[in-house]
Amino acid sequence: MSEKTLMSRRRLLLNSGISVIGLSLLPAIASPALASVPANDALSGFISFSRLATGHNDLDEKIGSQLYAALSAKDAAFTDNLRKLVDMVRGGAHADVESLDAALTGNPLRDTLLGIIKAWYSGVVEEGTGATVYAFEKALMYQPARDVVVIPTFAFNGPDYWVAEPNPVSQMPRF
């Protein structure tokens, strides 16, 4: 074999190694970008608009998809109204929810805006005792004081405490 062929094999081995390492790192690099890609454009528009409407950038997309489905089921005109609101925001005239709210005074789209904000903050879409709760612990009304205020619940250790693994028993009781 010639020296040029050996160099080519070394280069091939080096490039293969770099490719394997690069491919193994691809999910870690691509995950944040892929995580922000929604399942469809309507949901993407809802989540993006919700970020502006609530002032929170770290909204849970699973909860968002449930709220979007519930709001769409509750009001047949919701998707059209949401599209109109998204178009208003895309125009760039409204950098925050306060300016959008002021512009919507007297406009029926304001009810859609307030419905979206209420859904994210309360975690429910409907009124009354039969309302479905889409977000209780993660409702935005509890988030600002979450580190110092206990979320109201009848459960002794807080909402969803039974999901966590219980503390191990260090010493078995004797009877």
C-alpha atoms as a PDB file:
ATOM      1  CA  MET A   1       0.000   0.000   0.000  1.00  0.00           C
ATOM      2  CA  SER A   2       1.198   3.428  -0.740  1.00  0.00           C
ATOM      3  CA  GLU A   3       1.583   6.134   1.883  1.00  0.00           C
ATOM      4  CA  LYS A   4      -1.106   8.149   0.161  1.00  0.00           C
ATOM      5  CA  THR A   5      -3.571   5.239   0.600  1.00  0.00           C
ATOM      6  CA  LEU A   6      -2.724   4.975   4.325  1.00  0.00           C
ATOM      7  CA  MET A   7      -3.280   8.665   4.800  1.00  0.00           C
ATOM      8  CA  SER A   8      -6.577   8.335   3.068  1.00  0.00           C
ATOM      9  CA  ARG A   9      -7.586   5.499   5.410  1.00  0.00           C
ATOM     10  CA  ARG A  10      -6.524   7.520   8.435  1.00  0.00           C
ATOM     11  CA  ARG A  11      -8.480  10.474   7.187  1.00  0.00           C
ATOM     12  CA  LEU A  12     -11.484   8.207   6.558  1.00  0.00           C
ATOM     13  CA  LEU A  13     -11.196   6.806  10.095  1.00  0.00           C
ATOM     14  CA  LEU A  14     -10.869  10.312  11.551  1.00  0.00           C
ATOM     15  CA  ASN A  15     -13.852  11.594   9.595  1.00  0.00           C
ATOM     16  CA  SER A  16     -15.901   8.564  10.614  1.00  0.00           C
ATOM     17  CA  GLY A  17     -15.073   9.147  14.275  1.00  0.00           C
ATOM     18  CA  ILE A  18     -15.985  12.807  14.044  1.00  0.00           C
ATOM     19  CA  SER A  19     -19.242  11.898  12.310  1.00  0.00           C
ATOM     20  CA  VAL A  20     -20.173   9.364  14.993  1.00  0.00           C
ATOM     21  CA  ILE A  21     -19.472  11.872  17.753  1.00  0.00           C
ATOM     22  CA  GLY A  22     -21.372  14.587  15.898  1.00  0.00           C
ATOM     23  CA  LEU A  23     -24.388  12.343  15.339  1.00  0.00           C
ATOM     24  CA  SER A  24     -24.423  11.325  18.987  1.00  0.00           C
ATOM     25  CA  LEU A  25     -24.500  14.997  20.020  1.00  0.00           C
ATOM     26  CA  LEU A  26     -27.196  15.925  17.508  1.00  0.00           C
ATOM     27  CA  PRO A  27     -30.207  15.154  19.762  1.00  0.00           C
ATOM     28  CA  ALA A  28     -28.773  17.252  22.583  1.00  0.00           C
ATOM     29  CA  ILE A  29     -28.159  20.158  20.226  1.00  0.00           C
ATOM     30  CA  ALA A  30     -31.404  19.851  18.292  1.00  0.00           C
ATOM     31  CA  SER A  31     -33.771  19.112  21.212  1.00  0.00           C
ATOM     32  CA  PRO A  32     -34.444  22.704  22.304  1.00  0.00           C
ATOM     33  CA  ALA A  33     -35.188  23.704  18.732  1.00  0.00           C
ATOM     34  CA  LEU A  34     -37.338  20.660  18.078  1.00  0.00           C
ATOM     35  CA  ALA A  35     -39.156  21.044  21.381  1.00  0.00           C
ATOM     36  CA  SER A  36     -40.398  24.437  20.295  1.00  0.00           C
ATOM     37  CA  VAL A  37     -41.792  23.052  17.035  1.00  0.00           C
ATOM     38  CA  PRO A  38     -45.485  22.467  17.609  1.00  0.00           C
ATOM     39  CA  ALA A  39     -47.621  19.751  16.121  1.00  0.00           C
ATOM     40  CA  ASN A  40     -49.466  22.161  13.849  1.00  0.00           C
ATOM     41  CA  ASP A  41     -49.630  25.802  12.884  1.00  0.00           C
ATOM     42  CA  ALA A  42     -52.842  26.548  14.793  1.00  0.00           C
ATOM     43  CA  LEU A  43     -51.409  25.258  18.048  1.00  0.00           C
ATOM     44  CA  SER A  44     -48.153  27.066  17.357  1.00  0.00           C
ATOM     45  CA  GLY A  45     -50.057  30.296  16.862  1.00  0.00           C
ATOM     46  CA  PHE A  46     -51.990  29.691  20.078  1.00  0.00           C
ATOM     47  CA  ILE A  47     -48.851  29.065  22.129  1.00  0.00           C
ATOM     48  CA  SER A  48     -47.037  32.054  20.637  1.00  0.00           C
ATOM     49  CA  PHE A  49     -50.020  34.300  21.175  1.00  0.00           C
ATOM     50  CA  SER A  50     -50.458  32.945  24.705  1.00  0.00           C
ATOM     51  CA  ARG A  51     -46.885  33.959  25.511  1.00  0.00           C
ATOM     52  CA  LEU A  52     -47.720  37.532  24.593  1.00  0.00           C
ATOM     53  CA  ALA A  53     -51.135  37.437  26.280  1.00  0.00           C
ATOM     54  CA  THR A  54     -49.859  36.051  29.576  1.00  0.00           C
ATOM     55  CA  GLY A  55     -46.382  37.555  29.654  1.00  0.00           C
ATOM     56  CA  HIS A  56     -44.917  34.096  30.370  1.00  0.00           C
ATOM     57  CA  ASN A  57     -42.437  32.573  27.930  1.00  0.00           C
ATOM     58  CA  ASP A  58     -42.192  29.166  29.593  1.00  0.00           C
ATOM     59  CA  LEU A  59     -45.731  27.919  28.985  1.00  0.00           C
ATOM     60  CA  ASP A  60     -46.350  24.177  29.110  1.00  0.00           C
ATOM     61  CA  GLU A  61     -47.200  23.108  25.552  1.00  0.00           C
ATOM     62  CA  LYS A  62     -49.122  20.030  26.722  1.00  0.00           C
ATOM     63  CA  ILE A  63     -51.404  22.222  28.808  1.00  0.00           C
ATOM     64  CA  GLY A  64     -51.555  24.665  25.908  1.00  0.00           C
ATOM     65  CA  SER A  65     -52.770  21.980  23.525  1.00  0.00           C
ATOM     66  CA  GLN A  66     -55.489  20.986  26.001  1.00  0.00           C
ATOM     67  CA  LEU A  67     -56.559  24.593  26.542  1.00  0.00           C
ATOM     68  CA  TYR A  68     -56.590  25.180  22.788  1.00  0.00           C
ATOM     69  CA  ALA A  69     -58.805  22.139  22.234  1.00  0.00           C
ATOM     70  CA  ALA A  70     -61.155  23.151  25.068  1.00  0.00           C
ATOM     71  CA  LEU A  71     -61.408  26.773  23.934  1.00  0.00           C
ATOM     72  CA  SER A  72     -62.055  25.625  20.351  1.00  0.00           C
ATOM     73  CA  ALA A  73     -64.746  23.203  21.525  1.00  0.00           C
ATOM     74  CA  LYS A  74     -66.392  25.841  23.717  1.00  0.00           C
ATOM     75  CA  ASP A  75     -66.566  28.551  21.038  1.00  0.00           C
ATOM     76  CA  ALA A  76     -66.967  27.719  17.332  1.00  0.00           C
ATOM     77  CA  ALA A  77     -65.532  31.118  16.387  1.00  0.00           C
ATOM     78  CA  PHE A  78     -62.463  30.723  18.622  1.00  0.00           C
ATOM     79  CA  THR A  79     -60.028  29.615  15.906  1.00  0.00           C
ATOM     80  CA  ASP A  80     -61.071  32.446  13.583  1.00  0.00           C
ATOM     81  CA  ASN A  81     -60.847  34.983  16.407  1.00  0.00           C
ATOM     82  CA  LEU A  82     -57.454  33.632  17.440  1.00  0.00           C
ATOM     83  CA  ARG A  83     -56.217  33.913  13.842  1.00  0.00           C
ATOM     84  CA  LYS A  84     -57.371  37.551  13.754  1.00  0.00           C
ATOM     85  CA  LEU A  85     -55.585  38.261  17.041  1.00  0.00           C
ATOM     86  CA  VAL A  86     -52.406  36.586  15.798  1.00  0.00           C
ATOM     87  CA  ASP A  87     -52.571  38.672  12.621  1.00  0.00           C
ATOM     88  CA  MET A  88     -52.946  41.839  14.699  1.00  0.00           C
ATOM     89  CA  VAL A  89     -49.871  40.942  16.738  1.00  0.00           C
ATOM     90  CA  ARG A  90     -47.850  39.916  13.666  1.00  0.00           C
ATOM     91  CA  GLY A  91     -48.343  43.398  12.310  1.00  0.00           C
ATOM     92  CA  GLY A  92     -46.010  44.566  15.068  1.00  0.00           C
ATOM     93  CA  ALA A  93     -48.272  47.311  16.371  1.00  0.00           C
ATOM     94  CA  HIS A  94     -48.711  45.581  19.736  1.00  0.00           C
ATOM     95  CA  ALA A  95     -45.554  44.704  21.604  1.00  0.00           C
ATOM     96  CA  ASP A  96     -47.359  43.711  24.801  1.00  0.00           C
ATOM     97  CA  VAL A  97     -50.787  42.631  26.000  1.00  0.00           C
ATOM     98  CA  GLU A  98     -51.575  46.018  27.520  1.00  0.00           C
ATOM     99  CA  SER A  99     -51.345  47.761  24.161  1.00  0.00           C
ATOM    100  CA  LEU A 100     -53.342  44.969  22.483  1.00  0.00           C
ATOM    101  CA  ASP A 101     -56.008  45.168  25.194  1.00  0.00           C
ATOM    102  CA  ALA A 102     -56.287  48.923  24.766  1.00  0.00           C
ATOM    103  CA  ALA A 103     -56.660  48.513  21.002  1.00  0.00           C
ATOM    104  CA  LEU A 104     -59.424  45.923  21.460  1.00  0.00           C
ATOM    105  CA  THR A 105     -61.669  48.114  23.604  1.00  0.00           C
ATOM    106  CA  GLY A 106     -65.192  47.607  22.273  1.00  0.00           C
ATOM    107  CA  ASN A 107     -64.037  44.874  19.871  1.00  0.00           C
ATOM    108  CA  PRO A 108     -65.526  41.361  20.273  1.00  0.00           C
ATOM    109  CA  LEU A 109     -61.993  39.923  19.916  1.00  0.00           C
ATOM    110  CA  ARG A 110     -61.283  41.247  23.420  1.00  0.00           C
ATOM    111  CA  ASP A 111     -63.447  38.456  24.852  1.00  0.00           C
ATOM    112  CA  THR A 112     -61.232  35.906  23.104  1.00  0.00           C
ATOM    113  CA  LEU A 113     -58.113  37.595  24.474  1.00  0.00           C
ATOM    114  CA  LEU A 114     -59.515  37.603  28.008  1.00  0.00           C
ATOM    115  CA  GLY A 115     -60.677  33.982  27.632  1.00  0.00           C
ATOM    116  CA  ILE A 116     -57.158  32.877  26.727  1.00  0.00           C
ATOM    117  CA  ILE A 117     -55.642  34.774  29.657  1.00  0.00           C
ATOM    118  CA  LYS A 118     -58.261  33.395  32.057  1.00  0.00           C
ATOM    119  CA  ALA A 119     -57.677  29.834  30.850  1.00  0.00           C
ATOM    120  CA  TRP A 120     -53.920  30.024  31.445  1.00  0.00           C
ATOM    121  CA  TYR A 121     -54.212  31.738  34.828  1.00  0.00           C
ATOM    122  CA  SER A 122     -57.079  29.690  36.257  1.00  0.00           C
ATOM    123  CA  GLY A 123     -56.446  26.374  34.481  1.00  0.00           C
ATOM    124  CA  VAL A 124     -60.121  26.023  33.512  1.00  0.00           C
ATOM    125  CA  VAL A 125     -62.121  27.071  30.475  1.00  0.00           C
ATOM    126  CA  GLU A 126     -65.714  26.551  31.541  1.00  0.00           C
ATOM    127  CA  GLU A 127     -67.606  27.937  34.499  1.00  0.00           C
ATOM    128  CA  GLY A 128     -69.451  25.980  37.181  1.00  0.00           C
ATOM    129  CA  THR A 129     -69.004  22.844  39.198  1.00  0.00           C
ATOM    130  CA  GLY A 130     -68.678  20.568  36.168  1.00  0.00           C
ATOM    131  CA  ALA A 131     -65.710  22.458  34.743  1.00  0.00           C
ATOM    132  CA  THR A 132     -62.708  20.429  33.632  1.00  0.00           C
ATOM    133  CA  VAL A 133     -59.430  21.448  35.248  1.00  0.00           C
ATOM    134  CA  TYR A 134     -56.608  21.490  32.676  1.00  0.00           C
ATOM    135  CA  ALA A 135     -53.952  22.964  34.929  1.00  0.00           C
ATOM    136  CA  PHE A 136     -54.197  23.198  38.678  1.00  0.00           C
ATOM    137  CA  GLU A 137     -50.707  23.073  40.085  1.00  0.00           C
ATOM    138  CA  LYS A 138     -49.297  24.691  36.957  1.00  0.00           C
ATOM    139  CA  ALA A 139     -51.979  27.372  36.617  1.00  0.00           C
ATOM    140  CA  LEU A 140     -50.235  30.704  36.180  1.00  0.00           C
ATOM    141  CA  MET A 141     -52.020  32.292  39.151  1.00  0.00           C
ATOM    142  CA  TYR A 142     -49.951  30.132  41.507  1.00  0.00           C
ATOM    143  CA  GLN A 143     -46.570  30.601  39.823  1.00  0.00           C
ATOM    144  CA  PRO A 144     -45.425  34.040  41.102  1.00  0.00           C
ATOM    145  CA  ALA A 145     -45.651  33.026  44.788  1.00  0.00           C
ATOM    146  CA  ARG A 146     -45.084  29.299  44.352  1.00  0.00           C
ATOM    147  CA  ASP A 147     -41.916  29.258  46.447  1.00  0.00           C
ATOM    148  CA  VAL A 148     -43.580  30.760  49.534  1.00  0.00           C
ATOM    149  CA  VAL A 149     -47.320  30.037  49.266  1.00  0.00           C
ATOM    150  CA  VAL A 150     -48.841  26.562  49.481  1.00  0.00           C
ATOM    151  CA  ILE A 151     -51.241  25.824  46.644  1.00  0.00           C
ATOM    152  CA  PRO A 152     -54.696  25.387  48.188  1.00  0.00           C
ATOM    153  CA  THR A 153     -55.663  21.739  48.265  1.00  0.00           C
ATOM    154  CA  PHE A 154     -57.370  19.169  50.455  1.00  0.00           C
ATOM    155  CA  ALA A 155     -54.382  16.845  50.068  1.00  0.00           C
ATOM    156  CA  PHE A 156     -52.080  17.020  53.084  1.00  0.00           C
ATOM    157  CA  ASN A 157     -48.796  17.180  51.150  1.00  0.00           C
ATOM    158  CA  GLY A 158     -49.981  19.325  48.232  1.00  0.00           C
ATOM    159  CA  PRO A 159     -51.458  18.533  44.845  1.00  0.00           C
ATOM    160  CA  ASP A 160     -50.313  15.321  43.148  1.00  0.00           C
ATOM    161  CA  TYR A 161     -48.208  14.299  46.153  1.00  0.00           C
ATOM    162  CA  TRP A 162     -49.007  10.647  45.447  1.00  0.00           C
ATOM    163  CA  VAL A 163     -47.090  10.820  42.153  1.00  0.00           C
ATOM    164  CA  ALA A 164     -43.733  11.141  43.932  1.00  0.00           C
ATOM    165  CA  GLU A 165     -41.958   8.087  45.279  1.00  0.00           C
ATOM    166  CA  PRO A 166     -42.605   7.804  49.034  1.00  0.00           C
ATOM    167  CA  ASN A 167     -39.725   8.118  51.472  1.00  0.00           C
ATOM    168  CA  PRO A 168     -38.248   4.741  52.331  1.00  0.00           C
ATOM    169  CA  VAL A 169     -38.848   3.293  55.768  1.00  0.00           C
ATOM    170  CA  SER A 170     -35.530   3.320  57.583  1.00  0.00           C
ATOM    171  CA  GLN A 171     -36.701   1.094  60.371  1.00  0.00           C
ATOM    172  CA  MET A 172     -39.598  -1.302  60.065  1.00  0.00           C
ATOM    173  CA  PRO A 173     -42.212  -0.866  62.788  1.00  0.00           C
ATOM    174  CA  ARG A 174     -42.642  -3.793  65.192  1.00  0.00           C
ATOM    175  CA  PHE A 175     -46.022  -4.810  66.456  1.00  0.00           C
END
